[in-house]
Structures are given as structure tokens and as C-alpha cells.
C-alpha atoms as a PDB file:
ATOM      1  CA  MET A   1       0.460   0.303  -0.284  1.00  0.00           C
ATOM      2  CA  GLU A   2       1.609   3.434  -1.352  1.00  0.00           C
ATOM      3  CA  ASP A   3      -1.028   5.169   0.882  1.00  0.00           C
ATOM      4  CA  ALA A   4      -4.260   5.695   2.316  1.00  0.00           C
ATOM      5  CA  LYS A   5      -5.552   6.039  -0.990  1.00  0.00           C
ATOM      6  CA  ARG A   6      -4.242   4.161  -3.001  1.00  0.00           C
ATOM      7  CA  VAL A   7      -3.154  -0.171  -3.054  1.00  0.00           C
ATOM      8  CA  LEU A   8      -1.073  -2.589  -5.673  1.00  0.00           C
ATOM      9  CA  ASN A   9      -3.411  -4.784  -7.301  1.00  0.00           C
ATOM     10  CA  THR A  10      -1.203  -8.075  -6.585  1.00  0.00           C
ATOM     11  CA  GLN A  11      -1.552 -11.281  -7.791  1.00  0.00           C
ATOM     12  CA  VAL A  12       0.892 -13.675  -5.521  1.00  0.00           C
ATOM     13  CA  ILE A  13       2.072 -17.186  -6.210  1.00  0.00           C
ATOM     14  CA  ILE A  14       2.161 -19.483  -3.077  1.00  0.00           C
ATOM     15  CA  ASP A  15       3.518 -23.284  -3.786  1.00  0.00           C
ATOM     16  CA  SER A  16       2.500 -26.546  -1.677  1.00  0.00           C
ATOM     17  CA  ASP A  17       4.202 -25.381   1.061  1.00  0.00           C
ATOM     18  CA  GLY A  18       2.771 -22.316   1.760  1.00  0.00           C
ATOM     19  CA  GLU A  19       6.009 -20.247   0.607  1.00  0.00           C
ATOM     20  CA  VAL A  20       5.492 -17.019  -1.493  1.00  0.00           C
ATOM     21  CA  LYS A  21       7.044 -17.604  -5.115  1.00  0.00           C
ATOM     22  CA  ALA A  22       6.246 -14.852  -6.947  1.00  0.00           C
ATOM     23  CA  THR A  23       3.976 -11.507  -6.281  1.00  0.00           C
ATOM     24  CA  TYR A  24       2.682  -9.354  -9.648  1.00  0.00           C
ATOM     25  CA  SER A  25       0.733  -6.745  -9.343  1.00  0.00           C
ATOM     26  CA  LYS A  26      -0.770  -4.489 -11.975  1.00  0.00           C
ATOM     27  CA  THR A  27       1.276  -2.383 -14.234  1.00  0.00           C
ATOM     28  CA  HIS A  28      -1.834  -1.234 -16.645  1.00  0.00           C
ATOM     29  CA  LEU A  29      -4.228   1.071 -14.834  1.00  0.00           C
ATOM     30  CA  PHE A  30      -7.405   2.888 -16.456  1.00  0.00           C
ATOM     31  CA  ASP A  31      -7.256   6.393 -16.564  1.00  0.00           C
ATOM     32  CA  LEU A  32      -9.599   8.510 -18.542  1.00  0.00           C
ATOM     33  CA  ASP A  33     -10.775  11.944 -18.611  1.00  0.00           C
ATOM     34  CA  ILE A  34     -13.189  13.882 -20.664  1.00  0.00           C
ATOM     35  CA  LYS A  35     -13.596  16.984 -19.380  1.00  0.00           C
ATOM     36  CA  ASP A  36     -17.287  18.017 -18.561  1.00  0.00           C
ATOM     37  CA  LYS A  37     -17.992  14.385 -19.416  1.00  0.00           C
ATOM     38  CA  VAL A  38     -16.382  11.121 -18.016  1.00  0.00           C
ATOM     39  CA  ARG A  39     -14.215  11.041 -15.689  1.00  0.00           C
ATOM     40  CA  LEU A  40     -13.006   7.230 -14.433  1.00  0.00           C
ATOM     41  CA  CYS A  41      -9.370   6.716 -13.121  1.00  0.00           C
ATOM     42  CA  GLU A  42      -7.954   3.572 -11.742  1.00  0.00           C
ATOM     43  CA  SER A  43      -4.598   5.535 -10.429  1.00  0.00           C
ATOM     44  CA  ASP A  44      -6.892   7.414  -8.107  1.00  0.00           C
ATOM     45  CA  TYR A  45      -7.298   4.271  -6.069  1.00  0.00           C
ATOM     46  CA  THR A  46      -4.393   1.582  -7.443  1.00  0.00           C
ATOM     47  CA  THR A  47      -0.249   2.169  -8.015  1.00  0.00           C
ATOM     48  CA  PRO A  48       0.955   0.882 -10.957  1.00  0.00           C
ATOM     49  CA  GLY A  49       2.843  -2.000 -10.564  1.00  0.00           C
ATOM     50  CA  PRO A  50       6.882  -1.587 -10.678  1.00  0.00           C
ATOM     51  CA  ARG A  51       8.190  -4.011 -13.113  1.00  0.00           C
ATOM     52  CA  PHE A  52       6.863  -6.706 -14.894  1.00  0.00           C
ATOM     53  CA  GLU A  53       7.583 -10.275 -13.274  1.00  0.00           C
ATOM     54  CA  PRO A  54       9.166 -13.083 -15.093  1.00  0.00           C
ATOM     55  CA  PRO A  55       7.494 -16.858 -15.518  1.00  0.00           C
ATOM     56  CA  VAL A  56       7.833 -19.037 -12.245  1.00  0.00           C
ATOM     57  CA  LYS A  57       8.510 -22.132 -12.637  1.00  0.00           C
ATOM     58  CA  THR A  58       5.549 -24.532 -10.960  1.00  0.00           C
ATOM     59  CA  PRO A  59       4.787 -28.096 -11.792  1.00  0.00           C
ATOM     60  CA  VAL A  60       2.370 -27.682 -14.128  1.00  0.00           C
ATOM     61  CA  GLY A  61       4.397 -25.226 -15.955  1.00  0.00           C
ATOM     62  CA  LYS A  62       6.210 -21.882 -16.296  1.00  0.00           C
ATOM     63  CA  VAL A  63       3.458 -19.817 -14.920  1.00  0.00           C
ATOM     64  CA  GLY A  64       3.521 -15.636 -16.500  1.00  0.00           C
ATOM     65  CA  LEU A  65       1.652 -13.748 -14.399  1.00  0.00           C
ATOM     66  CA  ALA A  66      -0.546 -10.487 -15.370  1.00  0.00           C
ATOM     67  CA  ILE A  67      -4.312  -8.862 -13.660  1.00  0.00           C
ATOM     68  CA  MET A  68      -7.397  -8.025 -14.914  1.00  0.00           C
ATOM     69  CA  ILE A  69      -8.783  -6.985 -11.303  1.00  0.00           C
ATOM     70  CA  PHE A  70      -9.965  -3.505 -11.018  1.00  0.00           C
ATOM     71  CA  LEU A  71     -11.151  -1.758  -7.791  1.00  0.00           C
ATOM     72  CA  THR A  72     -13.563   0.580  -9.292  1.00  0.00           C
ATOM     73  CA  GLU A  73     -16.000   0.862 -11.964  1.00  0.00           C
ATOM     74  CA  TYR A  74     -13.377   0.494 -14.827  1.00  0.00           C
ATOM     75  CA  GLU A  75     -12.739  -2.664 -16.943  1.00  0.00           C
ATOM     76  CA  CYS A  76      -9.936  -5.098 -16.612  1.00  0.00           C
ATOM     77  CA  TYR A  77      -6.681  -3.569 -18.593  1.00  0.00           C
ATOM     78  CA  ASP A  78      -3.859  -5.979 -18.284  1.00  0.00           C
ATOM     79  CA  LEU A  79      -5.556  -8.254 -20.697  1.00  0.00           C
ATOM     80  CA  ARG A  80      -5.433  -5.386 -23.650  1.00  0.00           C
ATOM     81  CA  PHE A  81      -2.204  -5.370 -23.964  1.00  0.00           C
ATOM     82  CA  PRO A  82      -0.698  -8.423 -26.150  1.00  0.00           C
ATOM     83  CA  GLU A  83       2.835  -7.230 -25.930  1.00  0.00           C
ATOM     84  CA  PHE A  84       3.138  -8.476 -22.569  1.00  0.00           C
ATOM     85  CA  SER A  85       1.579 -11.940 -23.281  1.00  0.00           C
ATOM     86  CA  LEU A  86       3.837 -11.969 -25.999  1.00  0.00           C
ATOM     87  CA  ALA A  87       7.444 -10.541 -23.244  1.00  0.00           C
ATOM     88  CA  LEU A  88       5.879 -13.552 -21.022  1.00  0.00           C
ATOM     89  CA  SER A  89       5.836 -16.201 -23.811  1.00  0.00           C
ATOM     90  CA  GLN A  90       9.611 -14.828 -24.996  1.00  0.00           C
ATOM     91  CA  GLY A  91      10.507 -15.050 -21.337  1.00  0.00           C
ATOM     92  CA  GLY A  92       9.586 -18.912 -21.313  1.00  0.00           C
ATOM     93  CA  ALA A  93       6.450 -18.574 -20.105  1.00  0.00           C
ATOM     94  CA  GLU A  94       3.462 -21.885 -20.837  1.00  0.00           C
ATOM     95  CA  ILE A  95       0.410 -21.082 -19.044  1.00  0.00           C
ATOM     96  CA  LEU A  96      -0.558 -17.720 -18.529  1.00  0.00           C
ATOM     97  CA  THR A  97      -2.515 -16.564 -15.844  1.00  0.00           C
ATOM     98  CA  TYR A  98      -5.321 -13.684 -15.704  1.00  0.00           C
ATOM     99  CA  PRO A  99      -7.371 -13.133 -12.348  1.00  0.00           C
ATOM    100  CA  SER A 100     -10.066 -10.691 -13.982  1.00  0.00           C
ATOM    101  CA  ALA A 101     -13.543  -8.889 -13.028  1.00  0.00           C
ATOM    102  CA  PHE A 102     -14.977  -7.957 -16.224  1.00  0.00           C
ATOM    103  CA  THR A 103     -18.129  -5.741 -16.244  1.00  0.00           C
ATOM    104  CA  GLN A 104     -21.120  -7.227 -17.976  1.00  0.00           C
ATOM    105  CA  THR A 105     -20.996  -4.534 -21.164  1.00  0.00           C
ATOM    106  CA  THR A 106     -17.156  -5.543 -21.571  1.00  0.00           C
ATOM    107  CA  GLY A 107     -16.862  -9.051 -20.990  1.00  0.00           C
ATOM    108  CA  MET A 108     -19.607  -9.984 -23.522  1.00  0.00           C
ATOM    109  CA  ALA A 109     -17.934  -7.776 -26.451  1.00  0.00           C
ATOM    110  CA  HIS A 110     -14.486  -8.553 -25.249  1.00  0.00           C
ATOM    111  CA  TRP A 111     -14.078 -11.795 -22.740  1.00  0.00           C
ATOM    112  CA  GLU A 112     -13.550 -14.110 -24.662  1.00  0.00           C
ATOM    113  CA  VAL A 113     -12.309 -12.709 -27.612  1.00  0.00           C
ATOM    114  CA  LEU A 114      -9.299 -11.225 -25.615  1.00  0.00           C
ATOM    115  CA  LEU A 115      -8.065 -14.690 -23.839  1.00  0.00           C
ATOM    116  CA  ARG A 116      -8.648 -16.396 -27.001  1.00  0.00           C
ATOM    117  CA  SER A 117      -6.195 -13.947 -28.658  1.00  0.00           C
ATOM    118  CA  ARG A 118      -3.666 -14.122 -26.417  1.00  0.00           C
ATOM    119  CA  ALA A 119      -3.896 -17.486 -26.535  1.00  0.00           C
ATOM    120  CA  ILE A 120      -2.710 -17.920 -30.101  1.00  0.00           C
ATOM    121  CA  GLU A 121      -0.817 -15.318 -30.250  1.00  0.00           C
ATOM    122  CA  SER A 122       1.692 -16.571 -27.179  1.00  0.00           C
ATOM    123  CA  GLN A 123       1.152 -19.988 -27.583  1.00  0.00           C
ATOM    124  CA  CYS A 124       0.463 -20.524 -24.173  1.00  0.00           C
ATOM    125  CA  TYR A 125      -2.226 -21.751 -21.998  1.00  0.00           C
ATOM    126  CA  VAL A 126      -4.554 -18.894 -20.672  1.00  0.00           C
ATOM    127  CA  LEU A 127      -6.131 -19.310 -16.642  1.00  0.00           C
ATOM    128  CA  ALA A 128      -8.519 -16.734 -16.205  1.00  0.00           C
ATOM    129  CA  ALA A 129     -10.607 -16.890 -13.260  1.00  0.00           C
ATOM    130  CA  ALA A 130     -13.161 -14.607 -13.014  1.00  0.00           C
ATOM    131  CA  GLN A 131     -14.811 -12.676 -10.555  1.00  0.00           C
ATOM    132  CA  THR A 132     -19.268 -12.897 -10.797  1.00  0.00           C
ATOM    133  CA  GLY A 133     -22.356 -11.713  -9.817  1.00  0.00           C
ATOM    134  CA  LYS A 134     -23.837  -8.636  -8.560  1.00  0.00           C
ATOM    135  CA  HIS A 135     -22.015  -5.811  -6.416  1.00  0.00           C
ATOM    136  CA  ASN A 136     -24.527  -2.889  -6.166  1.00  0.00           C
ATOM    137  CA  GLU A 137     -27.059  -1.685  -8.413  1.00  0.00           C
ATOM    138  CA  LYS A 138     -24.349   0.212 -10.515  1.00  0.00           C
ATOM    139  CA  ARG A 139     -22.027  -2.861 -11.175  1.00  0.00           C
ATOM    140  CA  SER A 140     -21.717  -6.724 -12.422  1.00  0.00           C
ATOM    141  CA  SER A 141     -18.862  -8.655 -13.326  1.00  0.00           C
ATOM    142  CA  TYR A 142     -19.623 -10.688 -16.198  1.00  0.00           C
ATOM    143  CA  GLY A 143     -18.372 -14.213 -14.865  1.00  0.00           C
ATOM    144  CA  HIS A 144     -17.100 -16.699 -16.886  1.00  0.00           C
ATOM    145  CA  ALA A 145     -13.849 -17.962 -16.183  1.00  0.00           C
ATOM    146  CA  MET A 146     -12.157 -20.497 -18.374  1.00  0.00           C
ATOM    147  CA  ILE A 147      -9.445 -22.168 -19.652  1.00  0.00           C
ATOM    148  CA  ILE A 148      -8.076 -22.033 -23.294  1.00  0.00           C
ATOM    149  CA  ASP A 149      -4.785 -24.130 -24.989  1.00  0.00           C
ATOM    150  CA  PRO A 150      -2.627 -22.832 -27.248  1.00  0.00           C
ATOM    151  CA  TRP A 151      -4.704 -23.916 -30.218  1.00  0.00           C
ATOM    152  CA  GLY A 152      -6.987 -20.470 -28.817  1.00  0.00           C
ATOM    153  CA  THR A 153      -9.283 -23.818 -27.790  1.00  0.00           C
ATOM    154  CA  VAL A 154     -11.543 -22.928 -25.098  1.00  0.00           C
ATOM    155  CA  ILE A 155     -11.096 -25.995 -23.030  1.00  0.00           C
ATOM    156  CA  ALA A 156     -12.773 -25.639 -20.059  1.00  0.00           C
ATOM    157  CA  GLN A 157     -15.343 -22.663 -18.912  1.00  0.00           C
ATOM    158  CA  CYS A 158     -17.779 -21.818 -15.834  1.00  0.00           C
ATOM    159  CA  ARG A 159     -21.368 -21.759 -15.802  1.00  0.00           C
ATOM    160  CA  GLU A 160     -23.010 -18.312 -15.106  1.00  0.00           C
ATOM    161  CA  GLY A 161     -23.136 -18.447 -11.366  1.00  0.00           C
ATOM    162  CA  THR A 162     -20.503 -19.306  -9.466  1.00  0.00           C
ATOM    163  CA  ASP A 163     -18.748 -22.627 -10.646  1.00  0.00           C
ATOM    164  CA  VAL A 164     -15.483 -24.326 -11.016  1.00  0.00           C
ATOM    165  CA  CYS A 165     -13.857 -26.037 -14.111  1.00  0.00           C
ATOM    166  CA  VAL A 166     -10.649 -27.828 -14.558  1.00  0.00           C
ATOM    167  CA  ALA A 167      -8.759 -28.972 -17.706  1.00  0.00           C
ATOM    168  CA  GLU A 168      -5.142 -30.958 -18.577  1.00  0.00           C
ATOM    169  CA  ILE A 169      -2.204 -29.110 -19.300  1.00  0.00           C
ATOM    170  CA  ASP A 170      -0.243 -30.462 -21.939  1.00  0.00           C
ATOM    171  CA  LEU A 171       2.923 -29.156 -22.384  1.00  0.00           C
ATOM    172  CA  ASP A 172       3.779 -31.711 -25.004  1.00  0.00           C
ATOM    173  CA  TYR A 173       0.886 -30.121 -27.232  1.00  0.00           C
ATOM    174  CA  LEU A 174       1.764 -26.740 -26.364  1.00  0.00           C
ATOM    175  CA  GLN A 175       5.586 -27.901 -27.992  1.00  0.00           C
ATOM    176  CA  LYS A 176       3.949 -29.731 -30.714  1.00  0.00           C
ATOM    177  CA  VAL A 177       1.479 -26.194 -31.488  1.00  0.00           C
ATOM    178  CA  ARG A 178       5.167 -23.969 -32.104  1.00  0.00           C
ATOM    179  CA  GLU A 179       6.994 -26.534 -34.011  1.00  0.00           C
ATOM    180  CA  GLN A 180       4.176 -26.286 -36.358  1.00  0.00           C
ATOM    181  CA  MET A 181       3.515 -22.814 -36.255  1.00  0.00           C
ATOM    182  CA  PRO A 182       7.227 -21.616 -35.001  1.00  0.00           C
ATOM    183  CA  VAL A 183       5.458 -17.743 -35.583  1.00  0.00           C
ATOM    184  CA  MET A 184       8.545 -16.948 -32.409  1.00  0.00           C
ATOM    185  CA  SER A 185      11.072 -17.844 -35.073  1.00  0.00           C
ATOM    186  CA  HIS A 186       9.770 -15.955 -37.969  1.00  0.00           C
ATOM    187  CA  ARG A 187       9.380 -12.258 -36.712  1.00  0.00           C
ATOM    188  CA  ARG A 188      10.515  -9.377 -38.160  1.00  0.00           C
ATOM    189  CA  HIS A 189      12.759  -7.971 -35.114  1.00  0.00           C
ATOM    190  CA  ASP A 190      14.575  -5.483 -38.270  1.00  0.00           C
ATOM    191  CA  LEU A 191      10.986  -4.503 -39.184  1.00  0.00           C
ATOM    192  CA  TYR A 192       9.695  -3.878 -35.576  1.00  0.00           C
ATOM    193  CA  GLY A 193      12.126  -4.178 -33.112  1.00  0.00           C
ATOM    194  CA  HIS A 194      11.857  -6.642 -29.971  1.00  0.00           C
ATOM    195  CA  ILE A 195       9.428  -6.643 -27.249  1.00  0.00           C
ATOM    196  CA  HIS A 196      11.412  -5.421 -24.366  1.00  0.00           C
ATOM    197  CA  VAL A 197      11.391  -5.839 -20.816  1.00  0.00           C
ATOM    198  CA  ASN A 198      13.024  -4.866 -17.268  1.00  0.00           C
ATOM    199  CA  SER A 199      12.275  -7.651 -15.075  1.00  0.00           C
ATOM    200  CA  LYS A 200      13.269  -8.154 -11.998  1.00  0.00           C
ATOM    201  CA  GLY A 201      15.944 -11.544 -12.140  1.00  0.00           C
ATOM    202  CA  ARG A 202      16.471 -14.394  -9.418  1.00  0.00           C
ATOM    203  CA  ILE A 203      19.326 -13.574  -7.420  1.00  0.00           C
ATOM    204  CA  GLU A 204      20.476 -17.731  -6.576  1.00  0.00           C
ATOM    205  CA  GLU A 205      22.541 -17.907  -3.431  1.00  0.00           C
ATOM    206  CA  GLU A 206      23.701 -21.090  -4.226  1.00  0.00           C
ATOM    207  CA  SER A 207      25.243 -20.534  -8.427  1.00  0.00           C
ATOM    208  CA  ASP A 208      28.129 -18.534  -9.091  1.00  0.00           C
ATOM    209  CA  TYR A 209      27.814 -15.857 -11.928  1.00  0.00           C
ATOM    210  CA  ARG A 210      30.560 -15.613 -14.358  1.00  0.00           C
ATOM    211  CA  PHE A 211      32.164 -11.727 -15.404  1.00  0.00           C
ATOM    212  CA  GLY A 212      34.347 -12.592 -18.437  1.00  0.00           C
ATOM    213  CA  GLN A 213      36.953 -15.308 -16.822  1.00  0.00           C
ATOM    214  CA  HIS A 214      36.286 -14.767 -13.428  1.00  0.00           C
ATOM    215  CA  VAL A 215      33.836 -16.587 -10.759  1.00  0.00           C
ATOM    216  CA  VAL A 216      31.405 -13.973  -9.044  1.00  0.00           C
ATOM    217  CA  ARG A 217      30.067 -15.331  -5.687  1.00  0.00           C
ATOM    218  CA  SER A 218      26.361 -15.131  -5.127  1.00  0.00           C
ATOM    219  CA  SER A 219      27.125 -13.545  -2.401  1.00  0.00           C
ATOM    220  CA  GLN A 220      28.591 -10.149  -3.797  1.00  0.00           C
ATOM    221  CA  VAL A 221      25.524  -9.796  -6.476  1.00  0.00           C
ATOM    222  CA  PHE A 222      23.246  -6.940  -5.570  1.00  0.00           C
ATOM    223  CA  TYR A 223      20.754  -6.096  -8.152  1.00  0.00           C
ATOM    224  CA  ARG A 224      19.176  -9.013 -11.389  1.00  0.00           C
ATOM    225  CA  SER A 225      17.040  -8.490 -14.007  1.00  0.00           C
ATOM    226  CA  SER A 226      16.266 -11.038 -16.786  1.00  0.00           C
ATOM    227  CA  LEU A 227      19.411 -10.599 -18.985  1.00  0.00           C
ATOM    228  CA  SER A 228      21.801  -8.964 -16.482  1.00  0.00           C
ATOM    229  CA  PHE A 229      23.287  -8.709 -13.052  1.00  0.00           C
ATOM    230  CA  ALA A 230      25.403  -6.453 -10.883  1.00  0.00           C
ATOM    231  CA  CYS A 231      28.112  -6.872  -8.338  1.00  0.00           C
ATOM    232  CA  VAL A 232      30.278  -5.430  -5.857  1.00  0.00           C
ATOM    233  CA  ASN A 233      33.609  -3.890  -6.710  1.00  0.00           C
ATOM    234  CA  ILE A 234      36.228  -6.510  -5.274  1.00  0.00           C
ATOM    235  CA  LYS A 235      38.946  -3.030  -5.175  1.00  0.00           C
ATOM    236  CA  PRO A 236      37.088   0.248  -5.254  1.00  0.00           C
ATOM    237  CA  VAL A 237      38.392   3.276  -5.951  1.00  0.00           C
ATOM    238  CA  LEU A 238      35.962   4.904  -3.230  1.00  0.00           C
ATOM    239  CA  PRO A 239      32.660   3.834  -1.902  1.00  0.00           C
ATOM    240  CA  GLY A 240      29.724   3.854  -4.810  1.00  0.00           C
ATOM    241  CA  HIS A 241      32.134   2.178  -7.385  1.00  0.00           C
ATOM    242  CA  ILE A 242      30.744  -1.374  -7.911  1.00  0.00           C
ATOM    243  CA  LEU A 243      32.232  -3.252 -10.350  1.00  0.00           C
ATOM    244  CA  SER A 244      29.914  -3.815 -12.706  1.00  0.00           C
ATOM    245  CA  LEU A 245      27.112  -5.105 -15.235  1.00  0.00           C
ATOM    246  CA  GLY A 246      27.236  -7.911 -17.009  1.00  0.00           C
ATOM    247  CA  THR A 247      25.203  -9.890 -19.093  1.00  0.00           C
ATOM    248  CA  CYS A 248      23.842 -13.266 -18.309  1.00  0.00           C
ATOM    249  CA  LEU A 249      24.073 -14.646 -21.351  1.00  0.00           C
ATOM    250  CA  LEU A 250      27.794 -13.984 -21.532  1.00  0.00           C
ATOM    251  CA  ALA A 251      28.426 -12.172 -24.722  1.00  0.00           C
ATOM    252  CA  LYS A 252      32.057 -11.210 -25.984  1.00  0.00           C
ATOM    253  CA  ARG A 253      31.941  -8.351 -27.024  1.00  0.00           C
ATOM    254  CA  PHE A 254      29.232  -5.252 -26.905  1.00  0.00           C
ATOM    255  CA  SER A 255      28.921  -5.434 -30.770  1.00  0.00           C
ATOM    256  CA  ASP A 256      27.845  -9.249 -29.950  1.00  0.00           C
ATOM    257  CA  LEU A 257      24.916  -8.013 -27.315  1.00  0.00           C
ATOM    258  CA  THR A 258      21.219  -8.358 -29.415  1.00  0.00           C
ATOM    259  CA  GLN A 259      18.786  -5.160 -29.146  1.00  0.00           C
ATOM    260  CA  PRO A 260      16.760  -6.607 -26.223  1.00  0.00           C
ATOM    261  CA  GLU A 261      20.543  -7.695 -24.407  1.00  0.00           C
ATOM    262  CA  ILE A 262      21.643  -3.416 -24.667  1.00  0.00           C
ATOM    263  CA  ALA A 263      17.869  -2.265 -24.222  1.00  0.00           C
ATOM    264  CA  ASP A 264      18.184  -4.685 -20.655  1.00  0.00           C
ATOM    265  CA  LEU A 265      21.677  -3.630 -19.810  1.00  0.00           C
ATOM    266  CA  PHE A 266      21.304   0.457 -19.880  1.00  0.00           C
ATOM    267  CA  THR A 267      17.826   0.097 -18.173  1.00  0.00           C
ATOM    268  CA  SER A 268      19.975  -1.551 -15.480  1.00  0.00           C
ATOM    269  CA  VAL A 269      22.306   1.094 -15.344  1.00  0.00           C
ATOM    270  CA  GLN A 270      19.721   3.913 -14.976  1.00  0.00           C
ATOM    271  CA  ARG A 271      18.533   2.096 -12.643  1.00  0.00           C
ATOM    272  CA  ILE A 272      21.335   1.164 -10.496  1.00  0.00           C
ATOM    273  CA  THR A 273      22.968   5.134 -11.350  1.00  0.00           C
ATOM    274  CA  ASN A 274      19.968   6.249  -9.233  1.00  0.00           C
ATOM    275  CA  VAL A 275      20.385   3.602  -5.983  1.00  0.00           C
ATOM    276  CA  ILE A 276      23.640   3.765  -6.348  1.00  0.00           C
ATOM    277  CA  GLU A 277      24.105   8.352  -5.743  1.00  0.00           C
ATOM    278  CA  LYS A 278      21.002   7.740  -3.353  1.00  0.00           C
ATOM    279  CA  HIS A 279      23.067   5.416  -0.848  1.00  0.00           C
ATOM    280  CA  TYR A 280      26.123   7.118  -1.464  1.00  0.00           C
ATOM    281  CA  ASN A 281      24.656  10.908  -0.935  1.00  0.00           C
ATOM    282  CA  ALA A 282      26.463  11.507  -4.340  1.00  0.00           C
ATOM    283  CA  THR A 283      25.578  14.047  -7.139  1.00  0.00           C
ATOM    284  CA  SER A 284      26.682  12.574 -10.720  1.00  0.00           C
ATOM    285  CA  ALA A 285      27.717   9.426 -11.890  1.00  0.00           C
ATOM    286  CA  THR A 286      30.067   8.336 -14.660  1.00  0.00           C
ATOM    287  CA  VAL A 287      29.214   5.006 -16.654  1.00  0.00           C
ATOM    288  CA  ALA A 288      32.222   3.475 -19.135  1.00  0.00           C
ATOM    289  CA  ILE A 289      32.215   0.945 -20.816  1.00  0.00           C
ATOM    290  CA  GLN A 290      35.414  -1.447 -21.951  1.00  0.00           C
ATOM    291  CA  ASP A 291      34.888  -2.967 -24.249  1.00  0.00           C
ATOM    292  CA  GLY A 292      37.424  -6.082 -25.460  1.00  0.00           C
ATOM    293  CA  ALA A 293      40.080  -8.609 -23.599  1.00  0.00           C
ATOM    294  CA  ASP A 294      42.513  -5.427 -23.068  1.00  0.00           C
ATOM    295  CA  ALA A 295      39.545  -2.550 -22.128  1.00  0.00           C
ATOM    296  CA  GLY A 296      39.080  -4.964 -19.267  1.00  0.00           C
ATOM    297  CA  GLN A 297      35.170  -5.991 -20.267  1.00  0.00           C
ATOM    298  CA  THR A 298      33.567  -3.979 -18.055  1.00  0.00           C
ATOM    299  CA  VAL A 299      30.573  -1.775 -17.407  1.00  0.00           C
ATOM    300  CA  LYS A 300      31.070   0.695 -14.037  1.00  0.00           C
ATOM    301  CA  LEU A 301      29.488   3.090 -12.597  1.00  0.00           C
ATOM    302  CA  GLU A 302      31.625   5.652 -10.026  1.00  0.00           C
ATOM    303  CA  ARG A 303      30.826   8.457  -7.847  1.00  0.00           C
ATOM    304  CA  HIS A 304      32.273  11.571  -8.141  1.00  0.00           C
ATOM    305  CA  ASP A 305      34.580  12.769  -5.690  1.00  0.00           C
ATOM    306  CA  LYS A 306      38.271  15.230  -5.246  1.00  0.00           C
ATOM    307  CA  ASN A 307      39.892  12.579  -3.024  1.00  0.00           C
ATOM    308  CA  LEU A 308      40.551   9.594  -5.015  1.00  0.00           C
ATOM    309  CA  GLU A 309      42.086   6.976  -3.323  1.00  0.00           C
ATOM    310  CA  GLN A 310      43.370   3.596  -3.789  1.00  0.00           C
ATOM    311  CA  SER A 311      41.489   0.731  -2.087  1.00  0.00           C
ATOM    312  CA  LEU A 312      42.605  -2.918  -1.496  1.00  0.00           C
ATOM    313  CA  LEU A 313      41.471  -6.002  -2.508  1.00  0.00           C
ATOM    314  CA  ARG A 314      38.498  -6.502   0.349  1.00  0.00           C
ATOM    315  CA  SER A 315      36.876  -9.782   1.197  1.00  0.00           C
ATOM    316  CA  GLU A 316      34.840 -11.908   0.701  1.00  0.00           C
ATOM    317  CA  GLU A 317      32.894 -10.659   3.739  1.00  0.00           C
ATOM    318  CA  ASP A 318      32.852  -7.149   3.113  1.00  0.00           C
ATOM    319  CA  MET A 319      31.806  -7.440  -0.373  1.00  0.00           C
ATOM    320  CA  GLY A 320      28.848  -9.619   0.528  1.00  0.00           C
ATOM    321  CA  LYS A 321      27.909  -6.283   2.780  1.00  0.00           C
ATOM    322  CA  GLU A 322      27.843  -4.218   0.785  1.00  0.00           C
ATOM    323  CA  ALA A 323      25.863  -6.216  -1.921  1.00  0.00           C
ATOM    324  CA  LEU A 324      23.377  -7.292   1.222  1.00  0.00           C
ATOM    325  CA  GLU A 325      22.720  -2.902   1.748  1.00  0.00           C
ATOM    326  CA  LEU A 326      22.432  -2.297  -1.786  1.00  0.00           C
ATOM    327  CA  ARG A 327      19.362  -5.609  -2.268  1.00  0.00           C
ATOM    328  CA  PRO A 328      16.837  -3.450  -0.846  1.00  0.00           C
ATOM    329  CA  TYR A 329      16.364  -0.612  -2.850  1.00  0.00           C
ATOM    330  CA  PHE A 330      15.568  -3.092  -5.731  1.00  0.00           C
ATOM    331  CA  LYS A 331      12.615  -5.803  -3.874  1.00  0.00           C
END
């Protein structure tokens, strides 16, 4: 909750042990303000989610999260952005979830059409729970929860009123659909670019990261996106001199990066620069790219200071302490 009047509209995945595996807060808010006619602004009551959540591994497949529930009398909105489902699919999603509360008017016109479209274009199963029934004299929810397969076929649907529907998730069938209709590999990124999202990655505590020929302990990593990570420096010039933003795909040169990797890298640089300045009370930063073996292959963020001092190599414990101080900024 941001304040007393605005909340985050959040979906939560909880595993069989009761552990929260992922959360996603609705990012697209419906705001309509036509002077002297109508004002319907979801942002008056809801704070937009800060990030895209990457797909979550579950026993039935990799699940991508989106939300269509609204807290006021506005139609649900995440469903109307095809870029969202495509980004989840490109990120490895096999199942898309859309908990929802469509109105009667938009539900009858758009509900099934939009859900089937998202399933077809992403080649994912779509699970769409739906609120149903009359809320008050002015508002009723459409209901009609359904499950759709990657071919766009509705394989289960709830009846009018309170109901439950179930269906089998067949990942072999999903792969067959993708093999026989390989649209993802035929996309013309040279004409209309890539769909890029800077999503929060998970720092795997038991895993090591590679930075060129060096191994970076997970305890030294304080930031992770879907394609990049950042770690503290073993030999900082001064506080706030982080070592690098490295790509998780181990490209050898800057020219080897794809458009999504470049976008992710520089979006991450921007986020981390803001945090470093805030945490160390700096007023400016230097971002440097060292490209190639002789250059060192690092991207560095440095705080400007007149009294630069050479630091000694730090211990893993000291580096881990700094990483832990920085991690909360990116939750």
C-alpha cells in the first residue's frame, strides 16, 4: 500500500509448502478523463506495479502473471496489451494467468475474444479466473472463467454464477503447436524491433555468476534483471564504485549483444545509477564501457569525488555486506 487511498493490485503464487514464490502487481491502469463528460481514473485508487515479473516455474509449467482485476468500475486492463503476453512467452512462459473482474458490457463483447487472442499469439495456455455476480445497483461482473489451450480453443468454461472448471495442461501439445506454427522464430525484428521488458530477476543464492573469466559469488551480486546482473567491486576506488553490470548470456563483445540485451543493460544502468547516488549521497555518476579483452570488459558506475584513494582488495565478507545493503533498493 502506497498510502491510505491507493493500493497495489497484486497477484500471488504460493507453492504447496505455503511459500510465496512470486508476486505481480497490475501495471496497466485504466484512466479516462474527458472534460465535462466523464472521469474514470483507476490511478486515483491504485498504484501501478513497478515491474514485469518473469515466468515462475511450477509443477505444471512455467507460469506468467498478469492481472485484470480492477478496484473501481473500470474494465480490466492488462489483457488488452498483447506485448505483455508476448514478453511472457518470450521469457519462457507456458501458462498465462489472468484473474479478472470484467463488467457485463465489456465481458460480453471482449472477454473471450481477448483471451483466445492472447493464447494464440503467445502459444500458451491461458487460465482466466473471473469474478461473477452483482456488486451493487450500478455494477455486475461478467464471470465466465475459462481455460484456453495454445491453439486458441476453449477447453473448459464456468457456467453462469459460482462454478469451477478444470482442464489438463499438456506441455507436449504446447510444444507441438509451437513446432508446427513457429511464429516466434519468424518475427521480423529488423522491421518492428524486439519486445523488451526490464524485469526483476532472482538472485540464486547457491549459484555463481561469470564475469569474463572471473567467477562472482552470488553473495556479491546485489541486482539481477532478466538478462543482466550487477555486483560489488573487489577493489573499489571509493565507496559507490561498483564493479559491473554483466550480461547473463556471456557475450564476448558489446557488438555481440542483441537489441533486448542492450535495452536491458542500459535500463539496468539507469536504475542502479539512481540507487548508487542515493545510497552514497552522490550528485553525479560516470558510466564507462570497457569493450574487449584489453579494456577489461566491464561497465562501471563511479561516484564523482575529488579525493580518490586506491583501495585494497576486499574480503568476500566485506563485499557481501555491501551487496546486502544495496539489495533492498531493488525489491
